[in-house]
């Protein structure tokens, strides 16, 4: 399994609440429809919240908090493998759904301030 992780900044025209509502209510259903065509095994949205604990954690480490530089959310998508993703996006249906998702993301994500990367888990503690 691999995980595609997006650390997201909202468009400047949106409040954090507007960004998160759009992401949850408009974009998430599009991902659900694309699941089979793109081979998505799991999709989680992590919505940033204001938190005294988060602020204290960051302050103790010298990490900016609440100044507009923190991310508005993190999207996590699991796939079987990089090969499976490549095979899915090589199909007509995969290309169609990838295009739909990309076009919709432009409605709420500031691509220039966001980042994306692929990871493989190295489990240290399990619940």
N, C-alpha and C. Protein backbone atom coordinates (compact mmCIF):
# COMPACT_ATOMS: atom_id res chain seq x y z
N UNK A 1 0.84 -1.19 0.00
CA UNK A 1 0.00 0.00 0.00
C UNK A 1 0.88 1.24 0.00
N UNK A 2 0.43 2.25 -0.73
CA UNK A 2 1.06 3.55 -0.69
C UNK A 2 0.00 4.57 -0.32
N UNK A 3 0.46 5.71 0.18
CA UNK A 3 -0.47 6.77 0.53
C UNK A 3 -0.04 8.05 -0.16
N UNK A 4 -0.97 8.69 -0.82
CA UNK A 4 -0.78 10.00 -1.43
C UNK A 4 -1.31 11.02 -0.44
N UNK A 5 -0.45 11.92 0.00
CA UNK A 5 -0.82 12.90 1.01
C UNK A 5 -0.74 14.30 0.41
N UNK A 6 -1.82 15.05 0.57
CA UNK A 6 -1.88 16.45 0.14
C UNK A 6 -1.99 17.32 1.38
N UNK A 7 -1.07 18.26 1.54
CA UNK A 7 -1.16 19.28 2.60
C UNK A 7 -1.69 20.53 1.91
N UNK A 8 -2.90 20.93 2.29
CA UNK A 8 -3.67 21.90 1.51
C UNK A 8 -3.77 23.28 2.14
N UNK A 9 -3.59 24.28 1.27
CA UNK A 9 -3.90 25.66 1.60
C UNK A 9 -5.12 26.06 0.77
N UNK A 10 -6.00 26.79 1.36
CA UNK A 10 -7.21 27.25 0.66
C UNK A 10 -6.88 28.43 -0.24
N UNK A 11 -7.76 28.67 -1.20
CA UNK A 11 -7.67 29.88 -2.00
C UNK A 11 -7.88 31.09 -1.10
N UNK A 12 -7.22 32.19 -1.40
CA UNK A 12 -7.31 33.40 -0.58
C UNK A 12 -8.74 33.94 -0.51
N UNK A 13 -9.55 33.61 -1.49
CA UNK A 13 -10.93 34.11 -1.53
C UNK A 13 -11.86 33.36 -0.58
N UNK A 14 -11.38 32.29 0.05
CA UNK A 14 -12.21 31.47 0.92
C UNK A 14 -11.76 31.57 2.37
N UNK A 15 -12.72 31.57 3.29
CA UNK A 15 -12.39 31.41 4.70
C UNK A 15 -12.06 29.94 4.93
N UNK A 16 -11.45 29.63 6.05
CA UNK A 16 -11.17 28.22 6.35
C UNK A 16 -12.47 27.42 6.42
N UNK A 17 -13.51 27.99 7.02
CA UNK A 17 -14.79 27.29 7.12
C UNK A 17 -15.38 27.03 5.74
N UNK A 18 -15.31 28.01 4.84
CA UNK A 18 -15.82 27.83 3.47
C UNK A 18 -15.03 26.75 2.73
N UNK A 19 -13.70 26.80 2.87
CA UNK A 19 -12.83 25.81 2.25
C UNK A 19 -13.21 24.41 2.71
N UNK A 20 -13.30 24.24 4.03
CA UNK A 20 -13.58 22.91 4.57
C UNK A 20 -14.97 22.43 4.22
N UNK A 21 -15.94 23.31 4.17
CA UNK A 21 -17.30 22.92 3.78
C UNK A 21 -17.32 22.46 2.32
N UNK A 22 -16.68 23.21 1.45
CA UNK A 22 -16.64 22.84 0.03
C UNK A 22 -15.93 21.49 -0.14
N UNK A 23 -14.81 21.35 0.54
CA UNK A 23 -14.02 20.13 0.46
C UNK A 23 -14.85 18.93 0.92
N UNK A 24 -15.56 19.08 2.03
CA UNK A 24 -16.35 17.99 2.61
C UNK A 24 -17.61 17.70 1.79
N UNK A 25 -18.34 18.75 1.39
CA UNK A 25 -19.67 18.56 0.80
C UNK A 25 -19.68 18.49 -0.72
N UNK A 26 -18.69 19.09 -1.38
CA UNK A 26 -18.67 19.09 -2.85
C UNK A 26 -17.60 18.17 -3.40
N UNK A 27 -16.37 18.29 -2.88
CA UNK A 27 -15.27 17.50 -3.44
C UNK A 27 -15.30 16.04 -3.01
N UNK A 28 -15.58 15.78 -1.75
CA UNK A 28 -15.57 14.40 -1.25
C UNK A 28 -16.50 13.48 -2.04
N UNK A 29 -17.72 13.91 -2.38
CA UNK A 29 -18.57 13.03 -3.20
C UNK A 29 -17.97 12.71 -4.57
N UNK A 30 -17.20 13.65 -5.14
CA UNK A 30 -16.54 13.39 -6.42
C UNK A 30 -15.46 12.32 -6.27
N UNK A 31 -14.75 12.36 -5.15
CA UNK A 31 -13.73 11.33 -4.88
C UNK A 31 -14.42 9.98 -4.72
N UNK A 32 -15.54 9.96 -4.03
CA UNK A 32 -16.27 8.70 -3.83
C UNK A 32 -16.69 8.10 -5.17
N UNK A 33 -17.15 8.93 -6.10
CA UNK A 33 -17.55 8.45 -7.42
C UNK A 33 -16.33 7.93 -8.20
N UNK A 34 -15.17 8.56 -8.00
CA UNK A 34 -13.95 8.20 -8.73
C UNK A 34 -13.24 6.99 -8.14
N UNK A 35 -13.68 6.54 -6.99
CA UNK A 35 -12.97 5.50 -6.23
C UNK A 35 -12.59 4.29 -7.08
N UNK A 36 -13.55 3.70 -7.73
CA UNK A 36 -13.29 2.48 -8.50
C UNK A 36 -12.38 2.75 -9.69
N UNK A 37 -12.66 3.80 -10.44
CA UNK A 37 -11.87 4.10 -11.65
C UNK A 37 -10.41 4.41 -11.33
N UNK A 38 -10.17 5.02 -10.17
CA UNK A 38 -8.81 5.40 -9.80
C UNK A 38 -8.14 4.42 -8.83
N UNK A 39 -8.89 3.42 -8.38
CA UNK A 39 -8.32 2.42 -7.48
C UNK A 39 -8.04 2.95 -6.08
N UNK A 40 -8.85 3.90 -5.64
CA UNK A 40 -8.68 4.48 -4.30
C UNK A 40 -9.20 3.48 -3.27
N UNK A 41 -8.35 3.09 -2.34
CA UNK A 41 -8.72 2.12 -1.32
C UNK A 41 -9.26 2.79 -0.06
N UNK A 42 -8.79 4.00 0.21
CA UNK A 42 -9.22 4.72 1.41
C UNK A 42 -8.99 6.21 1.17
N UNK A 43 -9.89 7.03 1.70
CA UNK A 43 -9.77 8.49 1.56
C UNK A 43 -10.17 9.13 2.88
N UNK A 44 -9.27 9.93 3.41
CA UNK A 44 -9.55 10.62 4.67
C UNK A 44 -9.22 12.10 4.49
N UNK A 45 -10.12 12.94 4.97
CA UNK A 45 -9.87 14.38 5.04
C UNK A 45 -9.56 14.72 6.49
N UNK A 46 -8.43 15.37 6.71
CA UNK A 46 -8.06 15.85 8.03
C UNK A 46 -8.26 17.37 8.00
N UNK A 47 -9.26 17.86 8.71
CA UNK A 47 -9.58 19.28 8.72
C UNK A 47 -8.88 19.98 9.88
N UNK A 48 -8.11 21.02 9.58
CA UNK A 48 -7.41 21.78 10.60
C UNK A 48 -8.43 22.47 11.51
N UNK A 49 -8.16 22.43 12.81
CA UNK A 49 -9.02 23.10 13.80
C UNK A 49 -8.15 24.01 14.66
N UNK A 50 -8.74 25.08 15.17
CA UNK A 50 -8.05 25.93 16.13
C UNK A 50 -7.93 25.15 17.43
N UNK A 51 -6.73 25.17 18.01
CA UNK A 51 -6.48 24.35 19.18
C UNK A 51 -5.43 24.98 20.07
N UNK A 52 -5.75 25.12 21.35
CA UNK A 52 -4.76 25.64 22.30
C UNK A 52 -3.59 24.68 22.41
N UNK A 53 -3.84 23.38 22.37
CA UNK A 53 -2.77 22.39 22.44
C UNK A 53 -1.88 22.50 21.20
N UNK A 54 -2.51 22.64 20.03
CA UNK A 54 -1.75 22.81 18.79
C UNK A 54 -0.88 24.05 18.83
N UNK A 55 -1.44 25.15 19.32
CA UNK A 55 -0.68 26.40 19.42
C UNK A 55 0.50 26.24 20.36
N UNK A 56 0.29 25.62 21.52
CA UNK A 56 1.37 25.42 22.49
C UNK A 56 2.45 24.49 21.93
N UNK A 57 2.03 23.44 21.25
CA UNK A 57 2.98 22.51 20.63
C UNK A 57 3.87 23.25 19.64
N UNK A 58 3.25 24.04 18.78
CA UNK A 58 4.02 24.76 17.76
C UNK A 58 4.92 25.81 18.39
N UNK A 59 4.40 26.54 19.35
CA UNK A 59 5.17 27.59 20.01
C UNK A 59 6.45 27.01 20.62
N UNK A 60 6.33 25.87 21.27
CA UNK A 60 7.48 25.22 21.90
C UNK A 60 8.54 24.76 20.91
N UNK A 61 8.15 24.64 19.66
CA UNK A 61 9.08 24.18 18.62
C UNK A 61 9.47 25.29 17.65
N UNK A 62 8.92 26.49 17.85
CA UNK A 62 9.21 27.58 16.93
C UNK A 62 8.54 27.43 15.58
N UNK A 63 7.42 26.71 15.55
CA UNK A 63 6.67 26.50 14.30
C UNK A 63 5.55 27.53 14.24
N UNK A 64 5.41 28.24 13.11
CA UNK A 64 4.32 29.23 13.01
C UNK A 64 2.96 28.58 13.23
N UNK A 65 2.06 29.31 13.85
CA UNK A 65 0.72 28.78 14.10
C UNK A 65 -0.29 29.91 13.98
N UNK A 66 -1.32 29.69 13.18
CA UNK A 66 -2.42 30.64 13.10
C UNK A 66 -2.11 31.93 12.38
N UNK A 67 -1.01 31.94 11.64
CA UNK A 67 -0.65 33.16 10.93
C UNK A 67 -0.93 33.05 9.43
N UNK A 68 -1.73 32.08 9.07
CA UNK A 68 -2.05 31.87 7.67
C UNK A 68 -1.09 30.94 6.96
N UNK A 69 -0.01 30.56 7.63
CA UNK A 69 0.96 29.66 7.01
C UNK A 69 0.66 28.20 7.31
N UNK A 70 -0.15 27.95 8.34
CA UNK A 70 -0.49 26.57 8.64
C UNK A 70 -1.47 26.06 7.58
N UNK A 71 -1.46 24.77 7.37
CA UNK A 71 -2.33 24.17 6.35
C UNK A 71 -3.78 24.19 6.82
N UNK A 72 -4.69 24.20 5.85
CA UNK A 72 -6.12 24.19 6.15
C UNK A 72 -6.66 22.77 6.25
N UNK A 73 -5.87 21.81 5.80
CA UNK A 73 -6.27 20.43 5.90
C UNK A 73 -5.29 19.52 5.21
N UNK A 74 -5.46 18.22 5.44
CA UNK A 74 -4.61 17.20 4.83
C UNK A 74 -5.53 16.13 4.24
N UNK A 75 -5.30 15.80 2.98
CA UNK A 75 -6.04 14.71 2.33
C UNK A 75 -5.12 13.50 2.24
N UNK A 76 -5.67 12.34 2.58
CA UNK A 76 -4.90 11.10 2.53
C UNK A 76 -5.65 10.10 1.66
N UNK A 77 -4.98 9.62 0.63
CA UNK A 77 -5.57 8.63 -0.28
C UNK A 77 -4.65 7.42 -0.36
N UNK A 78 -5.21 6.23 -0.11
CA UNK A 78 -4.45 4.98 -0.15
C UNK A 78 -4.72 4.27 -1.47
N UNK A 79 -3.66 3.68 -2.02
CA UNK A 79 -3.71 2.90 -3.25
C UNK A 79 -2.91 1.62 -3.05
N UNK A 80 -3.16 0.62 -3.88
CA UNK A 80 -2.44 -0.65 -3.77
C UNK A 80 -0.95 -0.47 -4.03
N UNK A 81 -0.59 0.31 -5.07
CA UNK A 81 0.81 0.50 -5.43
C UNK A 81 0.90 1.64 -6.45
N UNK A 82 2.12 2.09 -6.69
CA UNK A 82 2.30 3.10 -7.73
C UNK A 82 1.92 2.54 -9.09
N UNK A 83 2.22 1.26 -9.30
CA UNK A 83 1.86 0.60 -10.56
C UNK A 83 0.34 0.58 -10.76
N UNK A 84 -0.39 0.35 -9.68
CA UNK A 84 -1.86 0.34 -9.76
C UNK A 84 -2.40 1.72 -10.11
N UNK A 85 -1.80 2.76 -9.56
CA UNK A 85 -2.21 4.13 -9.88
C UNK A 85 -1.93 4.41 -11.36
N UNK A 86 -0.74 4.06 -11.82
CA UNK A 86 -0.38 4.28 -13.22
C UNK A 86 -1.33 3.55 -14.16
N UNK A 87 -1.68 2.32 -13.81
CA UNK A 87 -2.61 1.54 -14.64
C UNK A 87 -3.99 2.18 -14.64
N UNK A 88 -4.44 2.67 -13.49
CA UNK A 88 -5.77 3.28 -13.40
C UNK A 88 -5.85 4.55 -14.23
N UNK A 89 -4.84 5.40 -14.15
CA UNK A 89 -4.90 6.66 -14.90
C UNK A 89 -4.59 6.48 -16.38
N UNK A 90 -4.21 5.27 -16.77
CA UNK A 90 -4.01 4.98 -18.19
C UNK A 90 -5.31 4.61 -18.88
N UNK A 91 -6.37 4.38 -18.09
CA UNK A 91 -7.66 4.03 -18.68
C UNK A 91 -8.46 5.29 -18.98
N UNK A 92 -9.42 5.16 -19.86
CA UNK A 92 -10.28 6.29 -20.20
C UNK A 92 -11.06 6.77 -18.97
N UNK A 93 -11.59 5.82 -18.20
CA UNK A 93 -12.35 6.19 -17.00
C UNK A 93 -11.45 6.85 -15.96
N UNK A 94 -10.24 6.33 -15.78
CA UNK A 94 -9.30 6.92 -14.84
C UNK A 94 -8.93 8.34 -15.22
N UNK A 95 -8.68 8.56 -16.50
CA UNK A 95 -8.34 9.90 -16.98
C UNK A 95 -9.51 10.86 -16.80
N UNK A 96 -10.71 10.39 -17.07
CA UNK A 96 -11.90 11.22 -16.90
C UNK A 96 -12.05 11.66 -15.44
N UNK A 97 -11.95 10.72 -14.52
CA UNK A 97 -12.14 11.05 -13.10
C UNK A 97 -10.99 11.87 -12.55
N UNK A 98 -9.77 11.60 -12.98
CA UNK A 98 -8.63 12.42 -12.55
C UNK A 98 -8.81 13.86 -13.00
N UNK A 99 -9.31 14.06 -14.21
CA UNK A 99 -9.56 15.41 -14.74
C UNK A 99 -10.66 16.11 -13.95
N UNK A 100 -11.74 15.38 -13.65
CA UNK A 100 -12.85 15.97 -12.87
C UNK A 100 -12.34 16.42 -11.50
N UNK A 101 -11.54 15.57 -10.84
CA UNK A 101 -11.04 15.93 -9.51
C UNK A 101 -10.11 17.13 -9.59
N UNK A 102 -9.20 17.14 -10.56
CA UNK A 102 -8.26 18.25 -10.70
C UNK A 102 -9.01 19.56 -10.96
N UNK A 103 -9.96 19.53 -11.86
CA UNK A 103 -10.72 20.74 -12.18
C UNK A 103 -11.49 21.24 -10.96
N UNK A 104 -12.04 20.34 -10.16
CA UNK A 104 -12.76 20.76 -8.97
C UNK A 104 -11.80 21.30 -7.90
N UNK A 105 -10.63 20.69 -7.77
CA UNK A 105 -9.65 21.15 -6.78
C UNK A 105 -9.28 22.62 -7.01
N UNK A 106 -9.28 23.05 -8.26
CA UNK A 106 -8.95 24.44 -8.58
C UNK A 106 -9.98 25.42 -8.01
N UNK A 107 -11.14 24.92 -7.61
CA UNK A 107 -12.18 25.77 -7.03
C UNK A 107 -11.94 26.12 -5.57
N UNK A 108 -11.03 25.39 -4.90
CA UNK A 108 -10.86 25.65 -3.47
C UNK A 108 -9.43 25.51 -2.96
N UNK A 109 -8.52 24.94 -3.74
CA UNK A 109 -7.14 24.72 -3.31
C UNK A 109 -6.19 25.71 -3.97
N UNK A 110 -5.30 26.30 -3.17
CA UNK A 110 -4.21 27.13 -3.68
C UNK A 110 -3.05 26.18 -3.97
N UNK A 111 -2.93 25.75 -5.21
CA UNK A 111 -1.92 24.76 -5.58
C UNK A 111 -0.50 25.25 -5.29
N UNK A 112 -0.25 26.54 -5.50
CA UNK A 112 1.09 27.10 -5.32
C UNK A 112 1.58 27.08 -3.89
N UNK A 113 0.67 27.01 -2.93
CA UNK A 113 1.03 27.00 -1.52
C UNK A 113 0.83 25.63 -0.87
N UNK A 114 0.30 24.68 -1.62
CA UNK A 114 0.04 23.34 -1.10
C UNK A 114 1.20 22.42 -1.49
N UNK A 115 1.21 21.22 -0.93
CA UNK A 115 2.22 20.24 -1.32
C UNK A 115 1.59 18.85 -1.34
N UNK A 116 2.30 17.95 -2.02
CA UNK A 116 1.80 16.59 -2.19
C UNK A 116 3.00 15.64 -2.23
N UNK A 117 2.83 14.47 -1.61
CA UNK A 117 3.91 13.48 -1.63
C UNK A 117 3.33 12.09 -1.41
N UNK A 118 4.12 11.08 -1.79
CA UNK A 118 3.73 9.67 -1.62
C UNK A 118 4.57 9.08 -0.51
N UNK A 119 3.91 8.28 0.34
CA UNK A 119 4.62 7.65 1.45
C UNK A 119 4.28 6.16 1.53
N UNK A 120 5.15 5.44 2.23
CA UNK A 120 4.88 4.07 2.64
C UNK A 120 4.98 4.06 4.15
N UNK A 121 4.06 3.38 4.80
CA UNK A 121 4.01 3.39 6.25
C UNK A 121 5.17 2.63 6.88
N UNK A 122 5.65 3.17 7.98
CA UNK A 122 6.62 2.51 8.85
C UNK A 122 6.00 2.54 10.24
N UNK A 123 5.14 1.55 10.52
CA UNK A 123 4.36 1.55 11.75
C UNK A 123 5.26 1.35 12.96
N UNK A 124 5.15 2.28 13.91
CA UNK A 124 5.94 2.23 15.13
C UNK A 124 5.08 1.80 16.31
N UNK A 125 3.90 2.37 16.43
CA UNK A 125 2.94 2.01 17.47
C UNK A 125 1.60 1.72 16.82
N UNK A 126 0.89 0.75 17.31
CA UNK A 126 -0.43 0.44 16.79
C UNK A 126 -1.41 0.38 17.96
N UNK A 127 -2.64 0.82 17.66
CA UNK A 127 -3.68 0.88 18.68
C UNK A 127 -4.14 -0.46 19.03
